[in-house]
C-alpha atoms as a PDB file:
ATOM      1  CA  MET A   1     141.783-133.300  -3.040  1.00  0.00           C
ATOM      2  CA  LEU A   2     143.042-136.304  -1.055  1.00  0.00           C
ATOM      3  CA  ARG A   3     143.161-134.102   2.048  1.00  0.00           C
ATOM      4  CA  ARG A   4     139.464-133.075   1.636  1.00  0.00           C
ATOM      5  CA  THR A   5     138.481-136.680   1.127  1.00  0.00           C
ATOM      6  CA  GLY A   6     140.296-137.653   4.341  1.00  0.00           C
ATOM      7  CA  ILE A   7     138.496-134.974   6.338  1.00  0.00           C
ATOM      8  CA  ILE A   8     135.118-135.973   4.919  1.00  0.00           C
ATOM      9  CA  GLY A   9     135.791-139.615   5.709  1.00  0.00           C
ATOM     10  CA  THR A  10     136.678-138.765   9.284  1.00  0.00           C
ATOM     11  CA  LEU A  11     133.462-136.771   9.738  1.00  0.00           C
ATOM     12  CA  ILE A  12     131.370-139.597   8.289  1.00  0.00           C
ATOM     13  CA  GLY A  13     133.031-142.017  10.674  1.00  0.00           C
ATOM     14  CA  LEU A  14     132.286-139.828  13.694  1.00  0.00           C
ATOM     15  CA  PHE A  15     128.653-139.461  12.609  1.00  0.00           C
ATOM     16  CA  ALA A  16     128.322-143.231  12.326  1.00  0.00           C
ATOM     17  CA  LEU A  17     129.708-143.711  15.831  1.00  0.00           C
ATOM     18  CA  LEU A  18     127.205-141.197  17.239  1.00  0.00           C
ATOM     19  CA  LEU A  19     124.349-142.819  15.326  1.00  0.00           C
ATOM     20  CA  TRP A  20     125.024-146.320  16.596  1.00  0.00           C
ATOM     21  CA  ALA A  21     126.237-145.516  20.107  1.00  0.00           C
ATOM     22  CA  PRO A  22     123.647-146.480  22.790  1.00  0.00           C
ATOM     23  CA  THR A  23     121.699-143.493  24.097  1.00  0.00           C
ATOM     24  CA  ALA A  24     122.026-142.856  27.817  1.00  0.00           C
ATOM     25  CA  VAL A  25     118.583-142.541  29.458  1.00  0.00           C
ATOM     26  CA  ALA A  26     118.432-140.363  32.536  1.00  0.00           C
ATOM     27  CA  ALA A  27     117.046-142.184  35.547  1.00  0.00           C
ATOM     28  CA  PRO A  28     113.841-140.647  36.958  1.00  0.00           C
ATOM     29  CA  LYS A  29     114.435-138.424  39.925  1.00  0.00           C
ATOM     30  CA  ALA A  30     113.350-139.923  43.201  1.00  0.00           C
ATOM     31  CA  VAL A  31     110.580-137.951  44.883  1.00  0.00           C
ATOM     32  CA  ALA A  32     111.676-137.094  48.395  1.00  0.00           C
ATOM     33  CA  ALA A  33     109.295-138.177  51.109  1.00  0.00           C
ATOM     34  CA  PRO A  34     107.606-135.208  52.777  1.00  0.00           C
ATOM     35  CA  THR A  35     109.236-134.336  56.061  1.00  0.00           C
ATOM     36  CA  ALA A  36     108.300-132.164  58.979  1.00  0.00           C
ATOM     37  CA  SER A  37     109.683-128.675  59.246  1.00  0.00           C
ATOM     38  CA  ALA A  38     112.625-128.652  61.633  1.00  0.00           C
ATOM     39  CA  ALA A  39     111.284-125.497  63.270  1.00  0.00           C
ATOM     40  CA  SER A  40     107.655-126.438  63.838  1.00  0.00           C
ATOM     41  CA  GLY A  41     107.579-130.230  63.521  1.00  0.00           C
ATOM     42  CA  CYS A  42     104.743-129.737  61.012  1.00  0.00           C
ATOM     43  CA  GLY A  43     104.570-132.045  58.020  1.00  0.00           C
ATOM     44  CA  VAL A  44     103.505-135.485  56.851  1.00  0.00           C
ATOM     45  CA  LEU A  45     104.574-137.794  59.687  1.00  0.00           C
ATOM     46  CA  ALA A  46     103.372-141.160  58.358  1.00  0.00           C
ATOM     47  CA  PRO A  47     102.974-142.873  54.973  1.00  0.00           C
ATOM     48  CA  GLY A  48      99.729-143.577  53.139  1.00  0.00           C
ATOM     49  CA  GLY A  49      98.179-140.145  52.614  1.00  0.00           C
ATOM     50  CA  SER A  50      97.084-139.211  49.098  1.00  0.00           C
ATOM     51  CA  ALA A  51      98.960-136.604  47.074  1.00  0.00           C
ATOM     52  CA  ALA A  52      96.113-134.154  47.692  1.00  0.00           C
ATOM     53  CA  ALA A  53      96.204-134.829  51.444  1.00  0.00           C
ATOM     54  CA  GLN A  54      99.956-134.210  51.491  1.00  0.00           C
ATOM     55  CA  SER A  55      99.439-130.948  49.600  1.00  0.00           C
ATOM     56  CA  ALA A  56      96.812-129.860  52.131  1.00  0.00           C
ATOM     57  CA  ILE A  57      99.218-130.580  54.970  1.00  0.00           C
ATOM     58  CA  ALA A  58     101.967-128.637  53.216  1.00  0.00           C
ATOM     59  CA  ALA A  59      99.653-125.633  52.831  1.00  0.00           C
ATOM     60  CA  ALA A  60      98.631-125.721  56.491  1.00  0.00           C
ATOM     61  CA  CYS A  61     102.202-126.205  57.681  1.00  0.00           C
ATOM     62  CA  ALA A  62     103.405-123.249  55.618  1.00  0.00           C
ATOM     63  CA  GLN A  63     101.034-121.121  57.677  1.00  0.00           C
ATOM     64  CA  VAL A  64     102.379-122.633  60.902  1.00  0.00           C
ATOM     65  CA  ASP A  65     105.944-121.885  59.835  1.00  0.00           C
ATOM     66  CA  ALA A  66     104.917-118.321  58.948  1.00  0.00           C
ATOM     67  CA  GLY A  67     103.684-117.758  62.506  1.00  0.00           C
ATOM     68  CA  THR A  68     100.094-117.100  61.426  1.00  0.00           C
ATOM     69  CA  TRP A  69      97.649-116.262  64.216  1.00  0.00           C
ATOM     70  CA  TYR A  70      94.455-117.986  65.243  1.00  0.00           C
ATOM     71  CA  THR A  71      91.650-115.464  64.745  1.00  0.00           C
ATOM     72  CA  TRP A  72      88.037-116.158  65.570  1.00  0.00           C
ATOM     73  CA  GLY A  73      86.124-116.258  62.264  1.00  0.00           C
ATOM     74  CA  GLY A  74      89.362-115.988  60.278  1.00  0.00           C
ATOM     75  CA  GLY A  75      89.586-117.659  56.877  1.00  0.00           C
ATOM     76  CA  HIS A  76      85.919-117.306  55.958  1.00  0.00           C
ATOM     77  CA  GLY A  77      86.113-114.541  53.395  1.00  0.00           C
ATOM     78  CA  ALA A  78      84.824-114.665  49.827  1.00  0.00           C
ATOM     79  CA  GLN A  79      87.865-116.746  48.878  1.00  0.00           C
ATOM     80  CA  PRO A  80      89.957-119.188  50.955  1.00  0.00           C
ATOM     81  CA  GLY A  81      92.782-117.458  52.804  1.00  0.00           C
ATOM     82  CA  ALA A  82      93.652-115.600  55.978  1.00  0.00           C
ATOM     83  CA  THR A  83      91.340-112.768  57.037  1.00  0.00           C
ATOM     84  CA  TYR A  84      91.089-110.461  60.025  1.00  0.00           C
ATOM     85  CA  GLY A  85      89.093-112.055  62.812  1.00  0.00           C
ATOM     86  CA  GLN A  86      86.287-110.977  65.093  1.00  0.00           C
ATOM     87  CA  VAL A  87      85.787-110.678  68.821  1.00  0.00           C
ATOM     88  CA  ASP A  88      84.324-113.869  70.299  1.00  0.00           C
ATOM     89  CA  PRO A  89      81.856-112.671  72.992  1.00  0.00           C
ATOM     90  CA  THR A  90      82.645-115.782  75.052  1.00  0.00           C
ATOM     91  CA  ASP A  91      86.448-115.443  74.950  1.00  0.00           C
ATOM     92  CA  PRO A  92      88.275-112.394  76.377  1.00  0.00           C
ATOM     93  CA  ALA A  93      91.479-113.586  74.666  1.00  0.00           C
ATOM     94  CA  SER A  94      89.922-112.717  71.289  1.00  0.00           C
ATOM     95  CA  GLU A  95      90.009-108.941  71.906  1.00  0.00           C
ATOM     96  CA  HIS A  96      92.905-108.517  69.457  1.00  0.00           C
ATOM     97  CA  ASP A  97      91.569-110.902  66.783  1.00  0.00           C
ATOM     98  CA  PRO A  98      90.162-108.041  64.642  1.00  0.00           C
ATOM     99  CA  GLU A  99      93.747-106.714  64.393  1.00  0.00           C
ATOM    100  CA  ARG A 100      95.259-110.073  63.408  1.00  0.00           C
ATOM    101  CA  LEU A 101      95.274-111.730  59.999  1.00  0.00           C
ATOM    102  CA  GLY A 102      94.708-115.447  60.464  1.00  0.00           C
ATOM    103  CA  PHE A 103      92.416-118.463  60.560  1.00  0.00           C
ATOM    104  CA  ASP A 104      90.041-120.222  62.876  1.00  0.00           C
ATOM    105  CA  CYS A 105      89.959-124.040  62.825  1.00  0.00           C
ATOM    106  CA  SER A 106      87.624-124.480  59.863  1.00  0.00           C
ATOM    107  CA  GLY A 107      89.124-121.509  58.034  1.00  0.00           C
ATOM    108  CA  LEU A 108      92.499-123.270  58.070  1.00  0.00           C
ATOM    109  CA  VAL A 109      90.991-126.560  56.845  1.00  0.00           C
ATOM    110  CA  ARG A 110      89.149-124.699  54.099  1.00  0.00           C
ATOM    111  CA  TYR A 111      92.322-122.962  52.937  1.00  0.00           C
ATOM    112  CA  ALA A 112      94.515-126.082  53.086  1.00  0.00           C
ATOM    113  CA  TYR A 113      92.182-128.217  50.984  1.00  0.00           C
ATOM    114  CA  ALA A 114      91.438-125.390  48.553  1.00  0.00           C
ATOM    115  CA  GLN A 115      95.183-125.210  47.900  1.00  0.00           C
ATOM    116  CA  ALA A 116      95.314-128.986  47.455  1.00  0.00           C
ATOM    117  CA  ALA A 117      92.243-129.334  45.239  1.00  0.00           C
ATOM    118  CA  GLY A 118      92.491-126.091  43.302  1.00  0.00           C
ATOM    119  CA  SER A 119      88.921-125.173  44.256  1.00  0.00           C
ATOM    120  CA  ASP A 120      86.959-124.180  47.356  1.00  0.00           C
ATOM    121  CA  ILE A 121      85.654-127.656  48.274  1.00  0.00           C
ATOM    122  CA  LEU A 122      85.310-127.297  52.077  1.00  0.00           C
ATOM    123  CA  ASN A 123      83.703-123.911  52.598  1.00  0.00           C
ATOM    124  CA  GLY A 124      81.821-123.794  55.895  1.00  0.00           C
ATOM    125  CA  ASP A 125      82.174-124.435  59.604  1.00  0.00           C
ATOM    126  CA  ALA A 126      83.521-127.566  61.294  1.00  0.00           C
ATOM    127  CA  SER A 127      80.194-129.404  61.129  1.00  0.00           C
ATOM    128  CA  ARG A 128      79.722-128.806  57.417  1.00  0.00           C
ATOM    129  CA  GLN A 129      83.304-129.858  56.733  1.00  0.00           C
ATOM    130  CA  TYR A 130      82.930-133.095  58.687  1.00  0.00           C
ATOM    131  CA  TYR A 131      79.579-133.913  57.048  1.00  0.00           C
ATOM    132  CA  THR A 132      80.884-133.066  53.583  1.00  0.00           C
ATOM    133  CA  THR A 133      79.500-134.860  50.532  1.00  0.00           C
ATOM    134  CA  ARG A 134      83.167-135.398  49.624  1.00  0.00           C
ATOM    135  CA  ALA A 135      83.738-137.995  52.327  1.00  0.00           C
ATOM    136  CA  ALA A 136      85.834-140.907  51.057  1.00  0.00           C
ATOM    137  CA  ALA A 137      85.719-142.648  54.461  1.00  0.00           C
ATOM    138  CA  ARG A 138      84.542-141.965  58.010  1.00  0.00           C
ATOM    139  CA  PHE A 139      85.897-143.156  61.347  1.00  0.00           C
ATOM    140  CA  THR A 140      84.299-143.194  64.778  1.00  0.00           C
ATOM    141  CA  ALA A 141      85.955-142.072  67.984  1.00  0.00           C
ATOM    142  CA  ALA A 142      85.967-145.696  69.147  1.00  0.00           C
ATOM    143  CA  GLN A 143      88.300-146.630  66.284  1.00  0.00           C
ATOM    144  CA  GLY A 144      91.005-144.328  67.623  1.00  0.00           C
ATOM    145  CA  LEU A 145      93.933-143.323  65.426  1.00  0.00           C
ATOM    146  CA  ALA A 146      94.803-146.748  63.994  1.00  0.00           C
ATOM    147  CA  PRO A 147      92.880-146.416  60.695  1.00  0.00           C
ATOM    148  CA  LEU A 148      93.744-142.774  60.076  1.00  0.00           C
ATOM    149  CA  LEU A 149      96.059-141.429  57.384  1.00  0.00           C
ATOM    150  CA  PRO A 150      97.750-138.034  57.079  1.00  0.00           C
ATOM    151  CA  GLY A 151      95.284-135.465  55.785  1.00  0.00           C
ATOM    152  CA  ASP A 152      92.225-136.912  57.538  1.00  0.00           C
ATOM    153  CA  LEU A 153      90.117-134.353  59.399  1.00  0.00           C
ATOM    154  CA  LEU A 154      89.610-134.780  63.154  1.00  0.00           C
ATOM    155  CA  ALA A 155      86.334-133.392  64.542  1.00  0.00           C
ATOM    156  CA  TYR A 156      85.428-132.473  68.104  1.00  0.00           C
ATOM    157  CA  GLY A 157      82.004-131.970  69.678  1.00  0.00           C
ATOM    158  CA  ASP A 158      78.797-133.929  69.173  1.00  0.00           C
ATOM    159  CA  SER A 159      76.491-134.730  66.260  1.00  0.00           C
ATOM    160  CA  ALA A 160      74.462-131.553  66.790  1.00  0.00           C
ATOM    161  CA  ASP A 161      77.452-129.241  67.186  1.00  0.00           C
ATOM    162  CA  LEU A 162      80.978-129.976  66.000  1.00  0.00           C
ATOM    163  CA  HIS A 163      82.920-127.019  67.340  1.00  0.00           C
ATOM    164  CA  HIS A 164      86.503-127.853  66.311  1.00  0.00           C
ATOM    165  CA  ILE A 165      88.318-129.508  63.410  1.00  0.00           C
ATOM    166  CA  ALA A 166      92.005-130.222  62.696  1.00  0.00           C
ATOM    167  CA  ILE A 167      94.196-131.992  60.121  1.00  0.00           C
ATOM    168  CA  TYR A 168      95.897-135.257  61.070  1.00  0.00           C
ATOM    169  CA  LEU A 169      99.647-135.417  60.345  1.00  0.00           C
ATOM    170  CA  GLY A 170     100.317-138.991  61.466  1.00  0.00           C
ATOM    171  CA  ALA A 171     102.266-140.287  64.483  1.00  0.00           C
ATOM    172  CA  GLY A 172      99.594-138.987  66.857  1.00  0.00           C
ATOM    173  CA  LYS A 173     100.018-135.336  65.779  1.00  0.00           C
ATOM    174  CA  MET A 174      97.683-132.805  64.191  1.00  0.00           C
ATOM    175  CA  VAL A 175      97.938-129.264  62.856  1.00  0.00           C
ATOM    176  CA  GLU A 176      95.264-126.888  64.095  1.00  0.00           C
ATOM    177  CA  ALA A 177      94.080-123.353  64.657  1.00  0.00           C
ATOM    178  CA  LYS A 178      93.293-123.858  68.319  1.00  0.00           C
ATOM    179  CA  GLN A 179      92.278-120.700  70.146  1.00  0.00           C
ATOM    180  CA  SER A 180      92.575-116.923  70.346  1.00  0.00           C
ATOM    181  CA  GLY A 181      95.890-115.608  71.619  1.00  0.00           C
ATOM    182  CA  THR A 182      97.895-118.411  69.995  1.00  0.00           C
ATOM    183  CA  HIS A 183      99.515-119.053  66.639  1.00  0.00           C
ATOM    184  CA  LEU A 184      98.617-122.000  64.412  1.00  0.00           C
ATOM    185  CA  MET A 185     100.306-125.035  65.907  1.00  0.00           C
ATOM    186  CA  VAL A 186     101.137-128.729  65.893  1.00  0.00           C
ATOM    187  CA  SER A 187      99.506-130.590  68.787  1.00  0.00           C
ATOM    188  CA  ASP A 188      99.145-134.095  70.122  1.00  0.00           C
ATOM    189  CA  VAL A 189      95.804-135.535  68.997  1.00  0.00           C
ATOM    190  CA  ARG A 190      93.361-135.205  71.875  1.00  0.00           C
ATOM    191  CA  LEU A 191      91.429-138.467  72.188  1.00  0.00           C
ATOM    192  CA  SER A 192      89.230-136.974  74.896  1.00  0.00           C
ATOM    193  CA  PRO A 193      85.492-137.625  75.346  1.00  0.00           C
ATOM    194  CA  ASP A 194      85.029-134.559  73.132  1.00  0.00           C
ATOM    195  CA  TYR A 195      86.636-136.323  70.131  1.00  0.00           C
ATOM    196  CA  PHE A 196      83.814-137.189  67.701  1.00  0.00           C
ATOM    197  CA  GLY A 197      85.542-138.934  64.796  1.00  0.00           C
ATOM    198  CA  ALA A 198      87.378-138.354  61.547  1.00  0.00           C
ATOM    199  CA  VAL A 199      86.657-138.019  57.850  1.00  0.00           C
ATOM    200  CA  ARG A 200      88.879-138.661  54.821  1.00  0.00           C
ATOM    201  CA  VAL A 201      88.382-136.084  52.081  1.00  0.00           C
ATOM    202  CA  ASN A 202      87.809-137.000  48.445  1.00  0.00           C
ATOM    203  CA  THR A 203      89.133-134.128  46.338  1.00  0.00           C
ATOM    204  CA  GLY A 204      87.858-135.695  43.103  1.00  0.00           C
ATOM    205  CA  ALA A 205      84.350-135.897  41.689  1.00  0.00           C
ATOM    206  CA  VAL A 206      81.470-136.143  44.158  1.00  0.00           C
ATOM    207  CA  THR A 207      79.723-139.505  43.961  1.00  0.00           C
ATOM    208  CA  GLY A 208      76.127-140.434  44.752  1.00  0.00           C
ATOM    209  CA  HIS A 209      72.870-138.491  44.542  1.00  0.00           C
ATOM    210  CA  VAL A 210      73.573-134.913  45.619  1.00  0.00           C
ATOM    211  CA  PHE A 211      70.809-132.396  46.320  1.00  0.00           C
ATOM    212  CA  GLN A 212      70.460-128.974  47.913  1.00  0.00           C
ATOM    213  CA  THR A 213      68.380-128.259  51.011  1.00  0.00           C
ATOM    214  CA  TRP A 214      66.426-125.086  51.627  1.00  0.00           C
ATOM    215  CA  GLY A 215      65.264-123.363  54.793  1.00  0.00           C
ATOM    216  CA  THR A 216      67.111-122.674  58.028  1.00  0.00           C
ATOM    217  CA  GLY A 217      67.404-124.677  61.224  1.00  0.00           C
ATOM    218  CA  VAL A 218      66.061-127.852  59.587  1.00  0.00           C
ATOM    219  CA  TRP A 219      66.716-130.903  61.777  1.00  0.00           C
ATOM    220  CA  THR A 220      67.681-134.380  60.673  1.00  0.00           C
ATOM    221  CA  LYS A 221      66.361-137.299  62.725  1.00  0.00           C
ATOM    222  CA  THR A 222      67.489-140.743  63.864  1.00  0.00           C
ATOM    223  CA  THR A 223      64.373-142.293  62.246  1.00  0.00           C
ATOM    224  CA  PRO A 224      61.899-140.955  59.644  1.00  0.00           C
ATOM    225  CA  SER A 225      59.610-139.331  62.181  1.00  0.00           C
ATOM    226  CA  VAL A 226      59.165-135.795  63.492  1.00  0.00           C
ATOM    227  CA  SER A 227      59.207-137.123  67.062  1.00  0.00           C
ATOM    228  CA  ALA A 228      62.527-138.962  66.625  1.00  0.00           C
ATOM    229  CA  THR A 229      65.735-137.810  68.284  1.00  0.00           C
ATOM    230  CA  ARG A 230      67.388-134.851  66.603  1.00  0.00           C
ATOM    231  CA  VAL A 231      70.790-135.386  64.994  1.00  0.00           C
ATOM    232  CA  TYR A 232      71.852-132.187  63.238  1.00  0.00           C
ATOM    233  CA  ALA A 233      70.198-128.958  62.112  1.00  0.00           C
ATOM    234  CA  PHE A 234      71.170-127.382  58.781  1.00  0.00           C
ATOM    235  CA  PRO A 235      71.841-123.688  59.479  1.00  0.00           C
ATOM    236  CA  GLY A 236      70.995-122.809  55.881  1.00  0.00           C
ATOM    237  CA  PRO A 237      70.939-124.253  52.352  1.00  0.00           C
ATOM    238  CA  THR A 238      73.380-127.161  52.254  1.00  0.00           C
ATOM    239  CA  SER A 239      74.555-129.734  49.711  1.00  0.00           C
ATOM    240  CA  ILE A 240      73.633-133.236  50.879  1.00  0.00           C
ATOM    241  CA  ARG A 241      74.125-136.759  49.585  1.00  0.00           C
ATOM    242  CA  VAL A 242      70.992-138.950  49.566  1.00  0.00           C
ATOM    243  CA  GLU A 243      71.414-142.738  49.620  1.00  0.00           C
ATOM    244  CA  CYS A 244      67.743-143.752  49.397  1.00  0.00           C
ATOM    245  CA  GLN A 245      64.208-142.615  50.251  1.00  0.00           C
ATOM    246  CA  LYS A 246      61.048-144.167  51.676  1.00  0.00           C
ATOM    247  CA  HIS A 247      57.437-143.417  52.497  1.00  0.00           C
ATOM    248  CA  ALA A 248      57.026-142.992  56.254  1.00  0.00           C
ATOM    249  CA  GLU A 249      55.383-140.452  58.593  1.00  0.00           C
ATOM    250  CA  THR A 250      53.420-137.710  56.861  1.00  0.00           C
ATOM    251  CA  VAL A 251      54.784-134.227  57.559  1.00  0.00           C
ATOM    252  CA  THR A 252      53.127-130.842  57.015  1.00  0.00           C
ATOM    253  CA  SER A 253      55.439-127.840  57.119  1.00  0.00           C
ATOM    254  CA  ASP A 254      55.794-124.468  55.396  1.00  0.00           C
ATOM    255  CA  GLY A 255      52.667-125.103  53.335  1.00  0.00           C
ATOM    256  CA  TYR A 256      53.761-128.527  52.063  1.00  0.00           C
ATOM    257  CA  THR A 257      52.623-132.040  52.998  1.00  0.00           C
ATOM    258  CA  ASN A 258      54.718-135.103  52.161  1.00  0.00           C
ATOM    259  CA  ASP A 259      55.336-138.585  53.541  1.00  0.00           C
ATOM    260  CA  ALA A 260      58.680-139.084  51.765  1.00  0.00           C
ATOM    261  CA  TRP A 261      61.879-139.164  53.812  1.00  0.00           C
ATOM    262  CA  ALA A 262      65.485-139.272  52.571  1.00  0.00           C
ATOM    263  CA  TYR A 263      68.353-141.128  54.258  1.00  0.00           C
ATOM    264  CA  LEU A 264      71.553-139.071  54.431  1.00  0.00           C
ATOM    265  CA  PRO A 265      74.536-141.434  54.838  1.00  0.00           C
ATOM    266  CA  ASP A 266      76.970-138.655  55.779  1.00  0.00           C
ATOM    267  CA  TYR A 267      74.818-137.815  58.816  1.00  0.00           C
ATOM    268  CA  LYS A 268      73.461-141.323  59.465  1.00  0.00           C
ATOM    269  CA  ALA A 269      70.126-139.543  59.724  1.00  0.00           C
ATOM    270  CA  TRP A 270      66.781-138.953  58.003  1.00  0.00           C
ATOM    271  CA  MET A 271      65.282-135.769  56.600  1.00  0.00           C
ATOM    272  CA  THR A 272      61.808-135.022  55.283  1.00  0.00           C
ATOM    273  CA  ASN A 273      61.882-134.468  51.527  1.00  0.00           C
ATOM    274  CA  ILE A 274      59.942-131.240  52.071  1.00  0.00           C
ATOM    275  CA  TYR A 275      63.223-129.418  52.704  1.00  0.00           C
ATOM    276  CA  ILE A 276      65.116-130.951  49.786  1.00  0.00           C
ATOM    277  CA  GLN A 277      64.944-129.003  46.541  1.00  0.00           C
ATOM    278  CA  GLY A 278      63.216-131.046  43.863  1.00  0.00           C
ATOM    279  CA  PRO A 279      60.010-133.059  43.471  1.00  0.00           C
ATOM    280  CA  ALA A 280      58.256-134.642  46.455  1.00  0.00           C
ATOM    281  CA  TRP A 281      59.744-138.015  45.443  1.00  0.00           C
ATOM    282  CA  LEU A 282      63.366-137.391  44.410  1.00  0.00           C
ATOM    283  CA  ASP A 283      64.257-138.333  40.846  1.00  0.00           C
ATOM    284  CA  GLY A 284      66.776-141.152  40.444  1.00  0.00           C
ATOM    285  CA  VAL A 285      67.007-142.019  44.145  1.00  0.00           C
ATOM    286  CA  PRO A 286      66.171-145.649  44.995  1.00  0.00           C
ATOM    287  CA  THR A 287      63.675-146.773  47.591  1.00  0.00           C
ATOM    288  CA  CYS A 288      65.282-147.787  50.894  1.00  0.00           C
ATOM    289  CA  ALA A 289      65.238-151.523  51.559  1.00  0.00           C
END
């Protein structure tokens, strides 16, 4: 009896010690800073990029490390991802692109940001990606690389035709699908006269007044007038962000007449409301000052 009591007392004492002893809290694990692949030099090369931008870079760099080919038209299937390319009539080096699974420049950008965002947010060619309604910030060629962060998209060409796009890594480097006959690669950023500017992608909710255009080959203009300088032609129905609208030159086209024009901040250009789906005067959009 005394022996049982002694054992029970010992157990009670041990339980009390465990109950009152301070609990050790595990320190949170430090998140390692993204680093470039030793083989390709591809990775986040500067601080400041968002988590989504870093994920997009990681997705693109994984394709670089895998030795994925550039293929003309590659990456523009029903879903983001590598596809077999096509022959570019202007480039003899593309003769083997239909045999190669890969990406062109915008196909790679589409895939990388789809992986980062979990949805197909940048479907389209280089122009449509640069002029996306998901722009968080835009930078001109004159600003150079100083304001850029990893994950920003670098566009090449002019306002009417942006023919190339790449993802900035930081430290003057970018990852790109450059041309037929080559693999995806890391390159020095080319600040040539062909460099147009950069855009920072917002992978969250789209802000502002967003509408859909209709028609094909519809030009935007520098001022709200049909005789104004052309800026960019929509190849087909496109999502656009409208900042404001105003009454200006009357336009008659495709059986409609309207004097309302919309200002598109992503293009820094005007478009007749005739080619914007909705009423002649867009609901909820303020009048331009």
